[in-house]
């Protein structure tokens, strides 16, 4: 029986609209509600986690998911996209370097200008910090498709971002390192790519030496 690595639950069910994983398995944990991407992200962050750093870090979490545990951090600012506490990631009303750890999971495909959003998120990331940036599903999508407007048939997405966008990171955020990190969901066996963004070469070295399947895509 598969076990959720986040909460140890052994019960899973289909996602909304009866979606199953690519391998035909129910992907939603019945307890913590995690999906494939959440468990992949949690495994990546757990591998990279430095407890001494994290207990002093300021977290900005832009999605309601269990990629990280909020108790790991010194402080938490939490934003639900479209909710009363929603931060406009295209124009973040915070000073430079306000956060040491940012989780932006499946958000940038929902905003009109994803390049501006990535620039803003990187601006408010501290010089010592790390950002987890996830969007659907670059592991299976080579070329970006952008409709220029939200598509109701695609959950309101403006675009689906492919691996071709990796070539743009060095132009969009020239002051940052970007790593492509591939992980496998232990529940369904599906894989996906999550991007790590940092301004600090220490995090790059840690990621490359961690045993994760990752590579530098920018600069």
C-alpha atoms as a PDB file:
ATOM      1  CA  UNK A   1       0.000   0.000   0.000  1.00  0.00           C
ATOM      2  CA  UNK A   2       1.321   3.470  -0.811  1.00  0.00           C
ATOM      3  CA  UNK A   3       1.750   5.779   2.166  1.00  0.00           C
ATOM      4  CA  UNK A   4       1.525   9.572   2.053  1.00  0.00           C
ATOM      5  CA  UNK A   5       4.982  10.856   3.048  1.00  0.00           C
ATOM      6  CA  UNK A   6       3.437  14.005   4.524  1.00  0.00           C
ATOM      7  CA  UNK A   7       0.893  12.524   6.938  1.00  0.00           C
ATOM      8  CA  UNK A   8       1.368   8.712   6.699  1.00  0.00           C
ATOM      9  CA  UNK A   9      -2.192   8.165   5.470  1.00  0.00           C
ATOM     10  CA  UNK A  10      -2.820   5.040   3.375  1.00  0.00           C
ATOM     11  CA  UNK A  11      -6.093   6.128   1.780  1.00  0.00           C
ATOM     12  CA  UNK A  12      -6.271   7.988  -1.539  1.00  0.00           C
ATOM     13  CA  UNK A  13      -9.048   9.155  -3.835  1.00  0.00           C
ATOM     14  CA  UNK A  14      -9.512  10.750  -7.222  1.00  0.00           C
ATOM     15  CA  UNK A  15      -8.914  14.459  -7.757  1.00  0.00           C
ATOM     16  CA  UNK A  16     -11.661  16.900  -8.839  1.00  0.00           C
ATOM     17  CA  UNK A  17     -13.398  15.956 -12.095  1.00  0.00           C
ATOM     18  CA  UNK A  18     -12.431  12.340 -11.273  1.00  0.00           C
ATOM     19  CA  UNK A  19      -8.862  12.952 -12.389  1.00  0.00           C
ATOM     20  CA  UNK A  20      -6.411  10.122 -11.832  1.00  0.00           C
ATOM     21  CA  UNK A  21      -2.629  10.228 -12.004  1.00  0.00           C
ATOM     22  CA  UNK A  22      -0.841   9.594 -15.292  1.00  0.00           C
ATOM     23  CA  UNK A  23      -0.439   5.995 -14.165  1.00  0.00           C
ATOM     24  CA  UNK A  24      -4.186   5.727 -13.463  1.00  0.00           C
ATOM     25  CA  UNK A  25      -3.993   5.880  -9.654  1.00  0.00           C
ATOM     26  CA  UNK A  26      -6.031   8.069  -7.266  1.00  0.00           C
ATOM     27  CA  UNK A  27      -3.714  10.971  -6.372  1.00  0.00           C
ATOM     28  CA  UNK A  28      -5.414  12.792  -3.465  1.00  0.00           C
ATOM     29  CA  UNK A  29      -4.476  11.906   0.103  1.00  0.00           C
ATOM     30  CA  UNK A  30      -7.726  11.415   2.021  1.00  0.00           C
ATOM     31  CA  UNK A  31      -6.220  13.025   5.116  1.00  0.00           C
ATOM     32  CA  UNK A  32      -3.938  15.968   4.203  1.00  0.00           C
ATOM     33  CA  UNK A  33      -5.383  16.391   0.671  1.00  0.00           C
ATOM     34  CA  UNK A  34      -1.920  16.440  -0.880  1.00  0.00           C
ATOM     35  CA  UNK A  35      -1.503  15.859  -4.620  1.00  0.00           C
ATOM     36  CA  UNK A  36       1.420  14.570  -6.653  1.00  0.00           C
ATOM     37  CA  UNK A  37       3.086  17.999  -6.877  1.00  0.00           C
ATOM     38  CA  UNK A  38       2.780  18.605  -3.138  1.00  0.00           C
ATOM     39  CA  UNK A  39       4.472  15.344  -2.226  1.00  0.00           C
ATOM     40  CA  UNK A  40       7.203  15.915  -4.813  1.00  0.00           C
ATOM     41  CA  UNK A  41       7.772  19.434  -3.476  1.00  0.00           C
ATOM     42  CA  UNK A  42       7.818  18.242   0.139  1.00  0.00           C
ATOM     43  CA  UNK A  43      10.422  15.588  -0.707  1.00  0.00           C
ATOM     44  CA  UNK A  44      12.631  18.173  -2.440  1.00  0.00           C
ATOM     45  CA  UNK A  45      12.416  20.716   0.376  1.00  0.00           C
ATOM     46  CA  UNK A  46      12.968  18.048   3.029  1.00  0.00           C
ATOM     47  CA  UNK A  47      16.132  16.981   1.224  1.00  0.00           C
ATOM     48  CA  UNK A  48      17.394  20.579   1.146  1.00  0.00           C
ATOM     49  CA  UNK A  49      16.194  21.716   4.552  1.00  0.00           C
ATOM     50  CA  UNK A  50      18.787  23.273   6.846  1.00  0.00           C
ATOM     51  CA  UNK A  51      17.188  23.412  10.292  1.00  0.00           C
ATOM     52  CA  UNK A  52      19.450  26.173  11.623  1.00  0.00           C
ATOM     53  CA  UNK A  53      18.623  28.419   8.682  1.00  0.00           C
ATOM     54  CA  UNK A  54      14.924  27.595   8.521  1.00  0.00           C
ATOM     55  CA  UNK A  55      14.189  28.439  12.167  1.00  0.00           C
ATOM     56  CA  UNK A  56      15.272  32.011  11.383  1.00  0.00           C
ATOM     57  CA  UNK A  57      13.630  32.230   7.966  1.00  0.00           C
ATOM     58  CA  UNK A  58      10.581  34.324   7.041  1.00  0.00           C
ATOM     59  CA  UNK A  59       8.184  32.277   4.899  1.00  0.00           C
ATOM     60  CA  UNK A  60       5.841  33.592   2.215  1.00  0.00           C
ATOM     61  CA  UNK A  61       3.424  30.880   1.120  1.00  0.00           C
ATOM     62  CA  UNK A  62       1.241  31.700  -1.867  1.00  0.00           C
ATOM     63  CA  UNK A  63      -0.760  28.506  -2.088  1.00  0.00           C
ATOM     64  CA  UNK A  64      -2.795  26.375   0.268  1.00  0.00           C
ATOM     65  CA  UNK A  65      -0.756  23.200   0.119  1.00  0.00           C
ATOM     66  CA  UNK A  66       1.555  21.127   2.334  1.00  0.00           C
ATOM     67  CA  UNK A  67       4.834  21.499   0.409  1.00  0.00           C
ATOM     68  CA  UNK A  68       6.332  22.916   3.614  1.00  0.00           C
ATOM     69  CA  UNK A  69       5.367  22.803   7.283  1.00  0.00           C
ATOM     70  CA  UNK A  70       4.850  26.289   8.659  1.00  0.00           C
ATOM     71  CA  UNK A  71       6.338  25.263  11.989  1.00  0.00           C
ATOM     72  CA  UNK A  72       9.733  25.012  10.316  1.00  0.00           C
ATOM     73  CA  UNK A  73      10.004  28.816  10.037  1.00  0.00           C
ATOM     74  CA  UNK A  74      10.387  31.842  12.299  1.00  0.00           C
ATOM     75  CA  UNK A  75       7.439  33.655  10.721  1.00  0.00           C
ATOM     76  CA  UNK A  76       4.813  32.950   8.089  1.00  0.00           C
ATOM     77  CA  UNK A  77       2.858  35.196   5.747  1.00  0.00           C
ATOM     78  CA  UNK A  78       0.150  33.248   4.027  1.00  0.00           C
ATOM     79  CA  UNK A  79      -1.739  34.288   0.899  1.00  0.00           C
ATOM     80  CA  UNK A  80      -4.611  32.485  -0.818  1.00  0.00           C
ATOM     81  CA  UNK A  81      -4.858  33.350  -4.512  1.00  0.00           C
ATOM     82  CA  UNK A  82      -8.140  35.186  -5.104  1.00  0.00           C
ATOM     83  CA  UNK A  83      -8.951  35.389  -1.382  1.00  0.00           C
ATOM     84  CA  UNK A  84      -9.219  38.387   0.938  1.00  0.00           C
ATOM     85  CA  UNK A  85      -5.553  38.024   1.867  1.00  0.00           C
ATOM     86  CA  UNK A  86      -4.391  37.516  -1.723  1.00  0.00           C
ATOM     87  CA  UNK A  87      -1.104  39.174  -2.707  1.00  0.00           C
ATOM     88  CA  UNK A  88      -0.837  40.412  -6.289  1.00  0.00           C
ATOM     89  CA  UNK A  89       2.403  38.686  -7.244  1.00  0.00           C
ATOM     90  CA  UNK A  90       2.776  41.005 -10.224  1.00  0.00           C
ATOM     91  CA  UNK A  91       3.123  43.987  -7.837  1.00  0.00           C
ATOM     92  CA  UNK A  92       4.074  42.819  -4.352  1.00  0.00           C
ATOM     93  CA  UNK A  93       3.702  45.610  -1.793  1.00  0.00           C
ATOM     94  CA  UNK A  94       6.752  44.590   0.221  1.00  0.00           C
ATOM     95  CA  UNK A  95      10.361  45.833   0.378  1.00  0.00           C
ATOM     96  CA  UNK A  96      13.188  44.062  -1.410  1.00  0.00           C
ATOM     97  CA  UNK A  97      14.382  40.930   0.377  1.00  0.00           C
ATOM     98  CA  UNK A  98      11.349  40.665   2.671  1.00  0.00           C
ATOM     99  CA  UNK A  99      11.276  36.838   2.707  1.00  0.00           C
ATOM    100  CA  UNK A 100      13.837  34.087   3.086  1.00  0.00           C
ATOM    101  CA  UNK A 101      11.683  31.256   1.755  1.00  0.00           C
ATOM    102  CA  UNK A 102       8.890  31.526  -0.804  1.00  0.00           C
ATOM    103  CA  UNK A 103       6.528  28.810  -1.980  1.00  0.00           C
ATOM    104  CA  UNK A 104       4.690  29.703  -5.193  1.00  0.00           C
ATOM    105  CA  UNK A 105       2.914  26.582  -6.398  1.00  0.00           C
ATOM    106  CA  UNK A 106       0.537  26.617  -9.378  1.00  0.00           C
ATOM    107  CA  UNK A 107      -0.071  30.382  -9.229  1.00  0.00           C
ATOM    108  CA  UNK A 108       1.904  32.073 -12.027  1.00  0.00           C
ATOM    109  CA  UNK A 109      -0.143  30.383 -14.745  1.00  0.00           C
ATOM    110  CA  UNK A 110      -3.185  32.241 -13.359  1.00  0.00           C
ATOM    111  CA  UNK A 111      -1.848  35.817 -13.723  1.00  0.00           C
ATOM    112  CA  UNK A 112      -1.709  37.975 -16.880  1.00  0.00           C
ATOM    113  CA  UNK A 113       2.068  38.556 -16.765  1.00  0.00           C
ATOM    114  CA  UNK A 114       3.996  35.575 -15.401  1.00  0.00           C
ATOM    115  CA  UNK A 115       7.369  37.154 -16.220  1.00  0.00           C
ATOM    116  CA  UNK A 116       6.576  40.191 -14.112  1.00  0.00           C
ATOM    117  CA  UNK A 117       5.373  37.901 -11.323  1.00  0.00           C
ATOM    118  CA  UNK A 118       8.621  35.925 -11.329  1.00  0.00           C
ATOM    119  CA  UNK A 119      10.614  39.178 -11.242  1.00  0.00           C
ATOM    120  CA  UNK A 120       8.594  40.445  -8.283  1.00  0.00           C
ATOM    121  CA  UNK A 121       8.884  37.193  -6.353  1.00  0.00           C
ATOM    122  CA  UNK A 122      12.639  37.219  -6.883  1.00  0.00           C
ATOM    123  CA  UNK A 123      12.843  40.862  -5.811  1.00  0.00           C
ATOM    124  CA  UNK A 124      11.270  40.141  -2.410  1.00  0.00           C
ATOM    125  CA  UNK A 125      13.455  37.049  -1.888  1.00  0.00           C
ATOM    126  CA  UNK A 126      16.387  37.734   0.440  1.00  0.00           C
ATOM    127  CA  UNK A 127      20.011  37.328  -0.623  1.00  0.00           C
ATOM    128  CA  UNK A 128      20.180  34.230   1.586  1.00  0.00           C
ATOM    129  CA  UNK A 129      16.818  32.856   0.506  1.00  0.00           C
ATOM    130  CA  UNK A 130      15.273  30.111  -1.584  1.00  0.00           C
ATOM    131  CA  UNK A 131      12.073  29.976  -3.631  1.00  0.00           C
ATOM    132  CA  UNK A 132      10.131  26.907  -4.702  1.00  0.00           C
ATOM    133  CA  UNK A 133       8.390  27.682  -8.005  1.00  0.00           C
ATOM    134  CA  UNK A 134       5.995  25.101  -9.413  1.00  0.00           C
ATOM    135  CA  UNK A 135       3.553  25.129 -12.308  1.00  0.00           C
ATOM    136  CA  UNK A 136       1.761  22.438 -14.318  1.00  0.00           C
ATOM    137  CA  UNK A 137       3.452  20.189 -15.662  1.00  0.00           C
ATOM    138  CA  UNK A 138       6.809  20.906 -17.334  1.00  0.00           C
ATOM    139  CA  UNK A 139       7.912  17.275 -17.064  1.00  0.00           C
ATOM    140  CA  UNK A 140       5.396  16.409 -19.783  1.00  0.00           C
ATOM    141  CA  UNK A 141       5.253  19.712 -21.687  1.00  0.00           C
ATOM    142  CA  UNK A 142       8.094  20.853 -23.928  1.00  0.00           C
ATOM    143  CA  UNK A 143       6.494  23.986 -25.425  1.00  0.00           C
ATOM    144  CA  UNK A 144       4.560  26.771 -23.704  1.00  0.00           C
ATOM    145  CA  UNK A 145       0.987  27.449 -24.788  1.00  0.00           C
ATOM    146  CA  UNK A 146      -0.320  30.934 -23.919  1.00  0.00           C
ATOM    147  CA  UNK A 147      -3.898  32.010 -24.656  1.00  0.00           C
ATOM    148  CA  UNK A 148      -3.421  35.599 -23.444  1.00  0.00           C
ATOM    149  CA  UNK A 149      -6.565  35.311 -21.315  1.00  0.00           C
ATOM    150  CA  UNK A 150      -7.939  32.930 -18.683  1.00  0.00           C
ATOM    151  CA  UNK A 151      -9.355  29.767 -20.216  1.00  0.00           C
ATOM    152  CA  UNK A 152     -12.294  28.317 -18.228  1.00  0.00           C
ATOM    153  CA  UNK A 153     -11.601  24.922 -19.766  1.00  0.00           C
ATOM    154  CA  UNK A 154      -8.084  25.050 -18.291  1.00  0.00           C
ATOM    155  CA  UNK A 155      -9.044  26.008 -14.709  1.00  0.00           C
ATOM    156  CA  UNK A 156      -8.685  29.713 -15.509  1.00  0.00           C
ATOM    157  CA  UNK A 157      -5.067  29.412 -16.624  1.00  0.00           C
ATOM    158  CA  UNK A 158      -3.634  32.041 -18.940  1.00  0.00           C
ATOM    159  CA  UNK A 159      -1.014  29.557 -20.115  1.00  0.00           C
ATOM    160  CA  UNK A 160       0.596  26.179 -19.704  1.00  0.00           C
ATOM    161  CA  UNK A 161       4.341  26.657 -19.324  1.00  0.00           C
ATOM    162  CA  UNK A 162       6.697  24.219 -21.003  1.00  0.00           C
ATOM    163  CA  UNK A 163      10.371  23.465 -20.556  1.00  0.00           C
ATOM    164  CA  UNK A 164      11.143  25.961 -23.320  1.00  0.00           C
ATOM    165  CA  UNK A 165      10.585  28.714 -20.738  1.00  0.00           C
ATOM    166  CA  UNK A 166      13.783  27.625 -18.980  1.00  0.00           C
ATOM    167  CA  UNK A 167      15.728  29.557 -21.626  1.00  0.00           C
ATOM    168  CA  UNK A 168      14.040  32.788 -20.492  1.00  0.00           C
ATOM    169  CA  UNK A 169      14.993  32.650 -16.817  1.00  0.00           C
ATOM    170  CA  UNK A 170      18.443  34.189 -17.349  1.00  0.00           C
ATOM    171  CA  UNK A 171      16.748  37.215 -18.969  1.00  0.00           C
ATOM    172  CA  UNK A 172      13.733  37.478 -16.652  1.00  0.00           C
ATOM    173  CA  UNK A 173      15.746  37.192 -13.406  1.00  0.00           C
ATOM    174  CA  UNK A 174      19.408  37.767 -14.343  1.00  0.00           C
ATOM    175  CA  UNK A 175      20.443  38.229 -10.691  1.00  0.00           C
ATOM    176  CA  UNK A 176      19.342  34.742  -9.643  1.00  0.00           C
ATOM    177  CA  UNK A 177      20.226  31.100 -10.063  1.00  0.00           C
ATOM    178  CA  UNK A 178      17.470  28.765 -11.289  1.00  0.00           C
ATOM    179  CA  UNK A 179      17.634  24.999 -10.924  1.00  0.00           C
ATOM    180  CA  UNK A 180      15.362  22.488 -12.612  1.00  0.00           C
ATOM    181  CA  UNK A 181      14.636  19.726 -10.088  1.00  0.00           C
ATOM    182  CA  UNK A 182      12.851  16.527 -11.046  1.00  0.00           C
ATOM    183  CA  UNK A 183      11.095  14.454  -8.406  1.00  0.00           C
ATOM    184  CA  UNK A 184       8.889  11.366  -8.253  1.00  0.00           C
ATOM    185  CA  UNK A 185       5.685  11.107  -6.239  1.00  0.00           C
ATOM    186  CA  UNK A 186       6.060   8.017  -4.016  1.00  0.00           C
ATOM    187  CA  UNK A 187       2.287   7.448  -4.031  1.00  0.00           C
ATOM    188  CA  UNK A 188       1.523   7.434  -7.772  1.00  0.00           C
ATOM    189  CA  UNK A 189       4.975   7.091  -9.304  1.00  0.00           C
ATOM    190  CA  UNK A 190       4.388  10.149 -11.492  1.00  0.00           C
ATOM    191  CA  UNK A 191       7.257  12.588 -11.929  1.00  0.00           C
ATOM    192  CA  UNK A 192       7.353  16.352 -12.357  1.00  0.00           C
ATOM    193  CA  UNK A 193       9.781  19.265 -12.437  1.00  0.00           C
ATOM    194  CA  UNK A 194       9.896  21.969  -9.768  1.00  0.00           C
ATOM    195  CA  UNK A 195      12.153  25.012 -10.062  1.00  0.00           C
ATOM    196  CA  UNK A 196      14.371  26.376  -7.304  1.00  0.00           C
ATOM    197  CA  UNK A 197      15.299  30.067  -7.389  1.00  0.00           C
ATOM    198  CA  UNK A 198      18.025  31.617  -5.243  1.00  0.00           C
ATOM    199  CA  UNK A 199      20.510  34.474  -5.239  1.00  0.00           C
ATOM    200  CA  UNK A 200      22.940  32.512  -3.080  1.00  0.00           C
ATOM    201  CA  UNK A 201      25.470  30.048  -4.485  1.00  0.00           C
ATOM    202  CA  UNK A 202      25.368  28.177  -1.141  1.00  0.00           C
ATOM    203  CA  UNK A 203      21.889  26.876  -2.017  1.00  0.00           C
ATOM    204  CA  UNK A 204      23.039  25.918  -5.503  1.00  0.00           C
ATOM    205  CA  UNK A 205      25.911  23.881  -4.066  1.00  0.00           C
ATOM    206  CA  UNK A 206      23.617  22.264  -1.502  1.00  0.00           C
ATOM    207  CA  UNK A 207      21.094  21.281  -4.163  1.00  0.00           C
ATOM    208  CA  UNK A 208      23.706  19.867  -6.526  1.00  0.00           C
ATOM    209  CA  UNK A 209      25.301  17.843  -3.716  1.00  0.00           C
ATOM    210  CA  UNK A 210      22.014  16.677  -2.168  1.00  0.00           C
ATOM    211  CA  UNK A 211      21.417  13.716  -4.436  1.00  0.00           C
ATOM    212  CA  UNK A 212      18.417  15.405  -6.040  1.00  0.00           C
ATOM    213  CA  UNK A 213      17.970  15.111  -9.798  1.00  0.00           C
ATOM    214  CA  UNK A 214      18.661  18.772 -10.538  1.00  0.00           C
ATOM    215  CA  UNK A 215      20.556  20.952 -12.974  1.00  0.00           C
ATOM    216  CA  UNK A 216      21.257  24.662 -13.356  1.00  0.00           C
ATOM    217  CA  UNK A 217      19.181  26.343 -16.091  1.00  0.00           C
ATOM    218  CA  UNK A 218      20.146  29.959 -15.305  1.00  0.00           C
ATOM    219  CA  UNK A 219      22.226  31.968 -15.500  1.00  0.00           C
END
